[in-house]
Structure formats: structure tokens, C-alpha cells
Amino acid sequence: SVKRVAIATPQETEFCHWADEVIEPAVSLPAIAPTLPELWQVELTGQVFDPPSLDELLLELTEGAYGQVQRLKGIFELPDGQAFAVDFCLGLGEIEYTNLNVPPWLEGRPQRWSGLELIGYHLDKAAVRELIADAVLSDTVLAQYQVHYRTQVEAEG
């Protein structure tokens, strides 16, 4: 015979009508329940990333240098005018990269939305903000890249 047992505080017993027996826990449930991960989002619209620096940023985030990242999603802009999406889920393999089928943005800072979302534990947000700032191209360097890529597109077209 199967016996249905609920573990509940006195305040929760009214929700345990399905149970054959209700047991009050010896330790309060909040003390033993796991904490929920935190969600952190940062908008990156207008930011263009140096590809090697972005690769390093994503690797450091997913390998735990700035907290225990369970999930990472983002849309990033590159100096060649392309945008791509990134998806990572702890335990499901490597970082997935998806090129977004959008026209290249080769004049000034991109005005389409981009951003980063992290879900995890003990996220060092200030350090991640610094890491992002270090990976973003300055206006001068971005302009140089864009001149190069516009010239390349014109030569091909």
C-alpha cells in the first residue's frame, strides 16, 4: 500500500489535503531550501565588440570567473557590421553562436537592440561591467574597422 506524506509547516497544512499524513519539518524549510539563482541583464545597444576580447569574456563568464553562470544569452555586434546571438546553458555543452540575418551596420554605432542576460549565483556584476567595457571598441577603432569593411563590400559589389 502507498502512503502519501507531505512535509509542511503548520501554515501550509491546509494545502496538503491530498496527503495521508502531514509531517512538520524539524528544521524550517527556508533554511534547507535551495536559493534561487539571480537574473542579471545589461543592455549593450550601440556597443561593438572586439572579437578576441568577446571570446575571452564569454569563456570567462561560462567557466565561473565571475560567479556560477547557469545560463547566458546575448546578442552582440561585431566590427564587420554583423550581429549574432549567443546561448549557453550549464551542463548542455558548449556556447552556441547563431549569426543573425540582418543587414551589416557599417556606419556609426549600431542602433538595433543588443544585450546580455545571465542567470546564476554570486554574480560579480561590477567586474562583468568592467570586462564588457574592456571588450568594447572605441569610436576611433570602430570607425577604422567600418571604413575597411565598407571598402571591402564596395570592392565585392
N, C-alpha and C. Protein backbone atom coordinates (compact mmCIF):
# COMPACT_ATOMS: atom_id res chain seq x y z
N SER A 1 0.83 -1.17 0.00
CA SER A 1 0.00 0.00 0.00
C SER A 1 0.88 1.24 0.00
N VAL A 2 0.48 2.26 -0.72
CA VAL A 2 1.23 3.52 -0.83
C VAL A 2 0.64 4.52 0.16
N LYS A 3 1.53 5.20 0.86
CA LYS A 3 1.12 6.22 1.81
C LYS A 3 1.64 7.56 1.31
N ARG A 4 0.78 8.55 1.16
CA ARG A 4 1.19 9.88 0.69
C ARG A 4 1.48 10.76 1.88
N VAL A 5 2.75 11.24 1.94
CA VAL A 5 3.21 12.03 3.07
C VAL A 5 3.59 13.42 2.57
N ALA A 6 3.15 14.44 3.29
CA ALA A 6 3.51 15.82 2.98
C ALA A 6 4.38 16.36 4.11
N ILE A 7 5.39 17.10 3.76
CA ILE A 7 6.21 17.79 4.75
C ILE A 7 5.84 19.26 4.63
N ALA A 8 5.25 19.80 5.69
CA ALA A 8 4.72 21.16 5.62
C ALA A 8 4.73 21.82 6.99
N THR A 9 4.86 23.12 6.98
CA THR A 9 4.75 23.90 8.21
C THR A 9 3.28 23.96 8.60
N PRO A 10 2.98 24.32 9.84
CA PRO A 10 1.56 24.42 10.25
C PRO A 10 0.75 25.36 9.35
N GLN A 11 1.38 26.41 8.83
CA GLN A 11 0.67 27.36 7.96
C GLN A 11 0.34 26.74 6.60
N GLU A 12 1.06 25.69 6.20
CA GLU A 12 0.88 25.10 4.88
C GLU A 12 -0.03 23.87 4.88
N THR A 13 -0.42 23.38 6.04
CA THR A 13 -1.17 22.12 6.09
C THR A 13 -2.50 22.18 5.35
N GLU A 14 -3.10 23.36 5.23
CA GLU A 14 -4.37 23.46 4.52
C GLU A 14 -4.23 23.10 3.04
N PHE A 15 -3.00 23.14 2.49
CA PHE A 15 -2.76 22.80 1.09
C PHE A 15 -2.40 21.33 0.90
N CYS A 16 -2.41 20.55 1.97
CA CYS A 16 -1.96 19.16 1.91
C CYS A 16 -3.11 18.18 2.05
N HIS A 17 -4.30 18.53 1.58
CA HIS A 17 -5.47 17.66 1.70
C HIS A 17 -5.29 16.33 0.96
N TRP A 18 -4.37 16.26 0.03
CA TRP A 18 -4.10 15.05 -0.73
C TRP A 18 -3.30 14.02 0.06
N ALA A 19 -2.63 14.45 1.14
CA ALA A 19 -1.72 13.58 1.89
C ALA A 19 -2.47 12.75 2.92
N ASP A 20 -1.96 11.52 3.15
CA ASP A 20 -2.49 10.66 4.21
C ASP A 20 -1.93 11.09 5.56
N GLU A 21 -0.74 11.69 5.55
CA GLU A 21 -0.08 12.13 6.79
C GLU A 21 0.69 13.40 6.51
N VAL A 22 0.65 14.36 7.42
CA VAL A 22 1.41 15.61 7.30
C VAL A 22 2.45 15.62 8.42
N ILE A 23 3.70 15.82 8.03
CA ILE A 23 4.81 15.87 9.00
C ILE A 23 5.37 17.28 9.00
N GLU A 24 5.52 17.83 10.19
CA GLU A 24 6.14 19.15 10.31
C GLU A 24 7.66 18.97 10.31
N PRO A 25 8.39 19.73 9.48
CA PRO A 25 9.85 19.56 9.42
C PRO A 25 10.52 19.99 10.73
N ALA A 26 11.63 19.31 11.05
CA ALA A 26 12.39 19.63 12.25
C ALA A 26 13.14 20.94 12.07
N VAL A 27 13.50 21.27 10.84
CA VAL A 27 14.22 22.50 10.50
C VAL A 27 13.28 23.32 9.63
N SER A 28 13.32 24.63 9.78
CA SER A 28 12.43 25.46 8.96
C SER A 28 12.79 25.29 7.48
N LEU A 29 11.79 25.22 6.64
CA LEU A 29 12.01 24.97 5.22
C LEU A 29 12.88 26.01 4.53
N PRO A 30 12.72 27.32 4.81
CA PRO A 30 13.60 28.27 4.13
C PRO A 30 15.08 28.00 4.41
N ALA A 31 15.42 27.46 5.57
CA ALA A 31 16.81 27.20 5.90
C ALA A 31 17.38 26.05 5.08
N ILE A 32 16.53 25.11 4.66
CA ILE A 32 17.05 23.97 3.92
C ILE A 32 16.74 24.06 2.43
N ALA A 33 15.85 24.94 2.03
CA ALA A 33 15.51 25.07 0.62
C ALA A 33 16.65 25.75 -0.13
N PRO A 34 16.92 25.30 -1.35
CA PRO A 34 17.98 25.95 -2.13
C PRO A 34 17.58 27.37 -2.51
N THR A 35 18.56 28.24 -2.61
CA THR A 35 18.28 29.62 -3.03
C THR A 35 18.09 29.65 -4.53
N LEU A 36 17.28 30.57 -4.98
CA LEU A 36 17.04 30.72 -6.40
C LEU A 36 18.20 31.49 -7.03
N PRO A 37 18.53 31.18 -8.28
CA PRO A 37 19.58 31.94 -8.94
C PRO A 37 19.10 33.36 -9.22
N GLU A 38 20.06 34.27 -9.38
CA GLU A 38 19.70 35.65 -9.71
C GLU A 38 19.74 35.84 -11.22
N LEU A 39 18.93 36.77 -11.67
CA LEU A 39 18.87 37.14 -13.08
C LEU A 39 19.47 38.53 -13.21
N TRP A 40 20.39 38.69 -14.15
CA TRP A 40 21.01 39.99 -14.38
C TRP A 40 21.04 40.26 -15.87
N GLN A 41 20.59 41.44 -16.26
CA GLN A 41 20.56 41.83 -17.66
C GLN A 41 21.27 43.16 -17.84
N VAL A 42 21.95 43.28 -18.97
CA VAL A 42 22.59 44.55 -19.29
C VAL A 42 22.37 44.82 -20.79
N GLU A 43 21.87 46.02 -21.07
CA GLU A 43 21.66 46.40 -22.47
C GLU A 43 22.99 46.84 -23.07
N LEU A 44 23.24 46.41 -24.31
CA LEU A 44 24.51 46.72 -24.98
C LEU A 44 24.29 47.43 -26.31
N THR A 45 23.10 47.97 -26.54
CA THR A 45 22.81 48.65 -27.80
C THR A 45 23.86 49.72 -28.07
N GLY A 46 24.41 49.69 -29.28
CA GLY A 46 25.44 50.66 -29.67
C GLY A 46 26.85 50.19 -29.38
N GLN A 47 27.00 49.10 -28.65
CA GLN A 47 28.34 48.60 -28.31
C GLN A 47 28.78 47.58 -29.36
N VAL A 48 30.00 47.72 -29.82
CA VAL A 48 30.59 46.80 -30.80
C VAL A 48 31.81 46.18 -30.15
N PHE A 49 31.92 44.86 -30.28
CA PHE A 49 32.96 44.13 -29.56
C PHE A 49 34.11 43.70 -30.45
N ASP A 50 35.29 43.80 -29.87
CA ASP A 50 36.48 43.22 -30.48
C ASP A 50 36.32 41.70 -30.38
N PRO A 51 36.34 40.94 -31.49
CA PRO A 51 36.06 39.50 -31.43
C PRO A 51 36.92 38.70 -30.45
N PRO A 52 38.26 38.87 -30.41
CA PRO A 52 39.02 38.10 -29.43
C PRO A 52 38.66 38.45 -27.98
N SER A 53 38.39 39.72 -27.71
CA SER A 53 38.01 40.13 -26.36
C SER A 53 36.64 39.57 -25.99
N LEU A 54 35.71 39.53 -26.94
CA LEU A 54 34.39 38.97 -26.69
C LEU A 54 34.49 37.47 -26.41
N ASP A 55 35.32 36.77 -27.19
CA ASP A 55 35.53 35.34 -26.94
C ASP A 55 36.05 35.09 -25.53
N GLU A 56 37.01 35.92 -25.11
CA GLU A 56 37.57 35.79 -23.76
C GLU A 56 36.50 36.08 -22.70
N LEU A 57 35.70 37.12 -22.92
CA LEU A 57 34.63 37.47 -21.99
C LEU A 57 33.66 36.31 -21.82
N LEU A 58 33.20 35.73 -22.92
CA LEU A 58 32.23 34.63 -22.86
C LEU A 58 32.84 33.40 -22.19
N LEU A 59 34.09 33.11 -22.49
CA LEU A 59 34.76 31.96 -21.89
C LEU A 59 34.90 32.15 -20.38
N GLU A 60 35.32 33.33 -19.95
CA GLU A 60 35.48 33.60 -18.52
C GLU A 60 34.14 33.53 -17.79
N LEU A 61 33.08 34.05 -18.42
CA LEU A 61 31.76 34.01 -17.79
C LEU A 61 31.26 32.57 -17.64
N THR A 62 31.39 31.78 -18.69
CA THR A 62 30.85 30.42 -18.65
C THR A 62 31.71 29.47 -17.83
N GLU A 63 32.96 29.83 -17.57
CA GLU A 63 33.82 28.96 -16.77
C GLU A 63 33.90 29.38 -15.31
N GLY A 64 33.09 30.37 -14.90
CA GLY A 64 32.94 30.68 -13.49
C GLY A 64 33.86 31.74 -12.92
N ALA A 65 34.54 32.51 -13.75
CA ALA A 65 35.45 33.53 -13.24
C ALA A 65 34.72 34.67 -12.53
N TYR A 66 33.43 34.88 -12.83
CA TYR A 66 32.67 35.98 -12.26
C TYR A 66 31.37 35.51 -11.60
N GLY A 67 31.37 34.30 -11.12
CA GLY A 67 30.20 33.71 -10.49
C GLY A 67 29.82 32.42 -11.19
N GLN A 68 28.85 31.75 -10.64
CA GLN A 68 28.40 30.46 -11.19
C GLN A 68 27.29 30.71 -12.20
N VAL A 69 27.64 30.88 -13.46
CA VAL A 69 26.67 31.15 -14.51
C VAL A 69 25.98 29.84 -14.90
N GLN A 70 24.66 29.81 -14.74
CA GLN A 70 23.87 28.66 -15.13
C GLN A 70 23.38 28.80 -16.57
N ARG A 71 23.07 30.04 -16.96
CA ARG A 71 22.56 30.32 -18.30
C ARG A 71 23.07 31.68 -18.75
N LEU A 72 23.44 31.76 -20.01
CA LEU A 72 23.91 33.01 -20.61
C LEU A 72 23.25 33.12 -21.97
N LYS A 73 22.67 34.28 -22.24
CA LYS A 73 22.10 34.57 -23.55
C LYS A 73 22.50 35.99 -23.92
N GLY A 74 22.73 36.21 -25.18
CA GLY A 74 23.08 37.56 -25.58
C GLY A 74 23.01 37.77 -27.07
N ILE A 75 22.95 39.04 -27.44
CA ILE A 75 23.08 39.46 -28.84
C ILE A 75 24.19 40.49 -28.86
N PHE A 76 25.15 40.25 -29.76
CA PHE A 76 26.36 41.08 -29.82
C PHE A 76 26.61 41.57 -31.24
N GLU A 77 27.21 42.75 -31.32
CA GLU A 77 27.59 43.36 -32.60
C GLU A 77 29.10 43.24 -32.79
N LEU A 78 29.50 42.97 -34.04
CA LEU A 78 30.92 42.85 -34.38
C LEU A 78 31.33 43.98 -35.32
N PRO A 79 32.64 44.25 -35.44
CA PRO A 79 33.09 45.37 -36.26
C PRO A 79 32.81 45.22 -37.75
N ASP A 80 32.55 44.00 -38.24
CA ASP A 80 32.22 43.81 -39.66
C ASP A 80 30.76 44.12 -39.95
N GLY A 81 30.03 44.62 -38.92
CA GLY A 81 28.64 45.02 -39.08
C GLY A 81 27.64 43.92 -38.81
N GLN A 82 28.11 42.71 -38.57
CA GLN A 82 27.22 41.58 -38.31
C GLN A 82 26.82 41.52 -36.84
N ALA A 83 25.64 40.95 -36.60
CA ALA A 83 25.17 40.70 -35.24
C ALA A 83 24.95 39.20 -35.09
N PHE A 84 25.19 38.69 -33.89
CA PHE A 84 24.95 37.27 -33.66
C PHE A 84 24.44 37.05 -32.25
N ALA A 85 23.76 35.92 -32.09
CA ALA A 85 23.21 35.54 -30.79
C ALA A 85 24.09 34.47 -30.17
N VAL A 86 24.14 34.48 -28.85
CA VAL A 86 24.92 33.51 -28.08
C VAL A 86 23.97 32.86 -27.08
N ASP A 87 24.12 31.55 -26.92
CA ASP A 87 23.30 30.82 -25.96
C ASP A 87 24.17 29.78 -25.27
N PHE A 88 24.11 29.76 -23.94
CA PHE A 88 24.87 28.79 -23.14
C PHE A 88 24.00 28.35 -21.98
N CYS A 89 23.98 27.05 -21.73
CA CYS A 89 23.28 26.51 -20.58
C CYS A 89 24.21 25.48 -19.93
N LEU A 90 24.52 25.70 -18.67
CA LEU A 90 25.44 24.82 -17.94
C LEU A 90 24.97 23.37 -18.04
N GLY A 91 25.89 22.51 -18.41
CA GLY A 91 25.59 21.09 -18.50
C GLY A 91 25.08 20.63 -19.85
N LEU A 92 24.82 21.55 -20.77
CA LEU A 92 24.29 21.16 -22.08
C LEU A 92 25.30 21.37 -23.21
N GLY A 93 26.55 21.48 -22.88
CA GLY A 93 27.55 21.60 -23.93
C GLY A 93 28.19 22.96 -24.00
N GLU A 94 28.66 23.27 -25.19
CA GLU A 94 29.42 24.50 -25.41
C GLU A 94 28.50 25.68 -25.73
N ILE A 95 29.12 26.82 -25.88
CA ILE A 95 28.40 28.04 -26.25
C ILE A 95 27.93 27.89 -27.70
N GLU A 96 26.66 28.20 -27.95
CA GLU A 96 26.13 28.18 -29.32
C GLU A 96 26.14 29.59 -29.88
N TYR A 97 26.61 29.72 -31.11
CA TYR A 97 26.65 31.01 -31.80
C TYR A 97 25.72 30.92 -33.01
N THR A 98 24.85 31.93 -33.16
CA THR A 98 23.94 31.97 -34.30
C THR A 98 24.07 33.33 -34.97
N ASN A 99 24.47 33.32 -36.23
CA ASN A 99 24.57 34.56 -36.99
C ASN A 99 23.15 35.06 -37.27
N LEU A 100 22.88 36.31 -36.95
CA LEU A 100 21.56 36.88 -37.20
C LEU A 100 21.53 37.42 -38.62
N ASN A 101 20.49 37.11 -39.32
CA ASN A 101 20.37 37.52 -40.71
C ASN A 101 19.85 38.95 -40.79
N VAL A 102 20.74 39.90 -40.49
CA VAL A 102 20.41 41.32 -40.52
C VAL A 102 21.43 42.02 -41.41
N PRO A 103 21.02 43.14 -42.03
CA PRO A 103 21.98 43.87 -42.86
C PRO A 103 23.17 44.35 -42.02
N PRO A 104 24.36 44.35 -42.60
CA PRO A 104 25.53 44.83 -41.84
C PRO A 104 25.38 46.31 -41.47
N TRP A 105 25.81 46.64 -40.26
CA TRP A 105 25.76 48.02 -39.78
C TRP A 105 27.18 48.56 -39.87
N LEU A 106 27.43 49.38 -40.90
CA LEU A 106 28.79 49.85 -41.16
C LEU A 106 28.93 51.36 -41.11
N GLU A 107 28.02 52.03 -40.43
CA GLU A 107 28.10 53.49 -40.30
C GLU A 107 27.73 53.88 -38.87
N GLY A 108 28.73 54.20 -38.05
CA GLY A 108 28.49 54.60 -36.67
C GLY A 108 28.11 53.42 -35.78
N ARG A 109 27.67 53.76 -34.59
CA ARG A 109 27.29 52.72 -33.61
C ARG A 109 25.91 52.14 -33.97
N PRO A 110 25.79 50.82 -33.95
CA PRO A 110 24.52 50.18 -34.31
C PRO A 110 23.39 50.64 -33.38
N GLN A 111 22.23 50.90 -33.97
CA GLN A 111 21.07 51.34 -33.19
C GLN A 111 20.03 50.23 -33.03
N ARG A 112 20.37 49.01 -33.40
CA ARG A 112 19.47 47.90 -33.13
C ARG A 112 19.81 47.32 -31.76
N TRP A 113 18.82 46.69 -31.12
CA TRP A 113 18.99 46.22 -29.75
C TRP A 113 20.03 45.11 -29.66
N SER A 114 20.85 45.18 -28.60
CA SER A 114 21.74 44.08 -28.23
C SER A 114 21.85 44.08 -26.72
N GLY A 115 22.21 42.94 -26.16
CA GLY A 115 22.30 42.85 -24.71
C GLY A 115 22.78 41.49 -24.25
N LEU A 116 22.95 41.39 -22.94
CA LEU A 116 23.44 40.18 -22.29
C LEU A 116 22.55 39.86 -21.10
N GLU A 117 22.23 38.58 -20.93
CA GLU A 117 21.45 38.12 -19.79
C GLU A 117 22.16 36.95 -19.15
N LEU A 118 22.36 37.04 -17.85
CA LEU A 118 22.99 35.98 -17.08
C LEU A 118 22.03 35.50 -16.00
N ILE A 119 22.02 34.20 -15.79
CA ILE A 119 21.30 33.60 -14.67
C ILE A 119 22.32 32.76 -13.93
N GLY A 120 22.47 33.02 -12.62
CA GLY A 120 23.46 32.27 -11.87
C GLY A 120 23.51 32.69 -10.41
N TYR A 121 24.58 32.26 -9.77
CA TYR A 121 24.79 32.51 -8.35
C TYR A 121 26.06 33.32 -8.14
N HIS A 122 26.01 34.23 -7.19
CA HIS A 122 27.17 35.03 -6.78
C HIS A 122 27.81 35.76 -7.97
N LEU A 123 26.99 36.36 -8.81
CA LEU A 123 27.48 37.07 -9.98
C LEU A 123 28.16 38.37 -9.56
N ASP A 124 29.39 38.56 -10.03
CA ASP A 124 30.14 39.78 -9.75
C ASP A 124 29.83 40.78 -10.86
N LYS A 125 28.73 41.48 -10.71
CA LYS A 125 28.23 42.37 -11.77
C LYS A 125 29.19 43.51 -12.07
N ALA A 126 29.81 44.07 -11.05
CA ALA A 126 30.74 45.19 -11.28
C ALA A 126 31.93 44.72 -12.12
N ALA A 127 32.45 43.55 -11.82
CA ALA A 127 33.59 43.03 -12.59
C ALA A 127 33.17 42.68 -14.02
N VAL A 128 31.95 42.17 -14.19
CA VAL A 128 31.47 41.86 -15.54
C VAL A 128 31.31 43.15 -16.34
N ARG A 129 30.82 44.22 -15.70
CA ARG A 129 30.70 45.52 -16.40
C ARG A 129 32.07 46.02 -16.87
N GLU A 130 33.08 45.86 -16.02
CA GLU A 130 34.44 46.25 -16.41
C GLU A 130 34.95 45.41 -17.57
N LEU A 131 34.70 44.11 -17.50
CA LEU A 131 35.12 43.20 -18.56
C LEU A 131 34.47 43.58 -19.88
N ILE A 132 33.19 43.92 -19.84
CA ILE A 132 32.47 44.36 -21.04
C ILE A 132 33.09 45.65 -21.58
N ALA A 133 33.33 46.60 -20.69
CA ALA A 133 33.92 47.88 -21.11
C ALA A 133 35.27 47.68 -21.79
N ASP A 134 36.05 46.72 -21.31
CA ASP A 134 37.36 46.44 -21.90
C ASP A 134 37.24 45.78 -23.27
N ALA A 135 36.14 45.08 -23.54
CA ALA A 135 35.96 44.34 -24.79
C ALA A 135 35.31 45.18 -25.88
N VAL A 136 34.75 46.33 -25.53
CA VAL A 136 34.04 47.18 -26.48
C VAL A 136 35.04 48.09 -27.21
N LEU A 137 34.82 48.26 -28.51
CA LEU A 137 35.69 49.11 -29.33
C LEU A 137 35.40 50.59 -29.09
N SER A 138 36.47 51.38 -29.11
CA SER A 138 36.32 52.84 -29.02
C SER A 138 35.75 53.36 -30.34
N ASP A 139 35.27 54.61 -30.33
CA ASP A 139 34.73 55.21 -31.55
C ASP A 139 35.77 55.25 -32.66
N THR A 140 37.00 55.58 -32.31
CA THR A 140 38.07 55.68 -33.31
C THR A 140 38.36 54.33 -33.96
N VAL A 141 38.52 53.31 -33.15
CA VAL A 141 38.83 51.97 -33.68
C VAL A 141 37.65 51.45 -34.48
N LEU A 142 36.42 51.65 -33.98
CA LEU A 142 35.24 51.21 -34.71
C LEU A 142 35.18 51.89 -36.08
N ALA A 143 35.44 53.19 -36.15
CA ALA A 143 35.41 53.92 -37.42
C ALA A 143 36.44 53.34 -38.39
N GLN A 144 37.63 53.00 -37.89
CA GLN A 144 38.66 52.39 -38.75
C GLN A 144 38.20 51.06 -39.32
N TYR A 145 37.62 50.22 -38.48
CA TYR A 145 37.08 48.94 -38.94
C TYR A 145 36.01 49.16 -40.00
N GLN A 146 35.09 50.09 -39.73
CA GLN A 146 33.98 50.30 -40.65
C GLN A 146 34.44 50.81 -42.01
N VAL A 147 35.44 51.67 -42.03
CA VAL A 147 36.00 52.12 -43.32
C VAL A 147 36.55 50.92 -44.07
N HIS A 148 37.29 50.08 -43.38
CA HIS A 148 37.88 48.89 -44.00
C HIS A 148 36.78 47.98 -44.58
N TYR A 149 35.75 47.69 -43.78
CA TYR A 149 34.70 46.77 -44.24
C TYR A 149 33.83 47.38 -45.32
N ARG A 150 33.57 48.70 -45.27
CA ARG A 150 32.80 49.34 -46.35
C ARG A 150 33.57 49.27 -47.66
N THR A 151 34.87 49.50 -47.60
CA THR A 151 35.73 49.42 -48.79
C THR A 151 35.70 48.00 -49.37
N GLN A 152 35.74 47.02 -48.48
CA GLN A 152 35.71 45.63 -48.89
C GLN A 152 34.37 45.28 -49.57
N VAL A 153 33.26 45.75 -49.00
CA VAL A 153 31.92 45.48 -49.56
C VAL A 153 31.80 46.17 -50.91
N GLU A 154 32.28 47.40 -51.05
CA GLU A 154 32.21 48.13 -52.31
C GLU A 154 33.04 47.42 -53.39
N ALA A 155 34.19 46.89 -53.05
CA ALA A 155 35.05 46.19 -53.99
C ALA A 155 34.39 44.90 -54.48
N GLU A 156 33.65 44.24 -53.59
CA GLU A 156 32.99 42.98 -53.95
C GLU A 156 31.73 43.21 -54.76
N GLY A 157 31.09 44.38 -54.56
CA GLY A 157 29.78 44.65 -55.16
C GLY A 157 29.84 45.24 -56.50
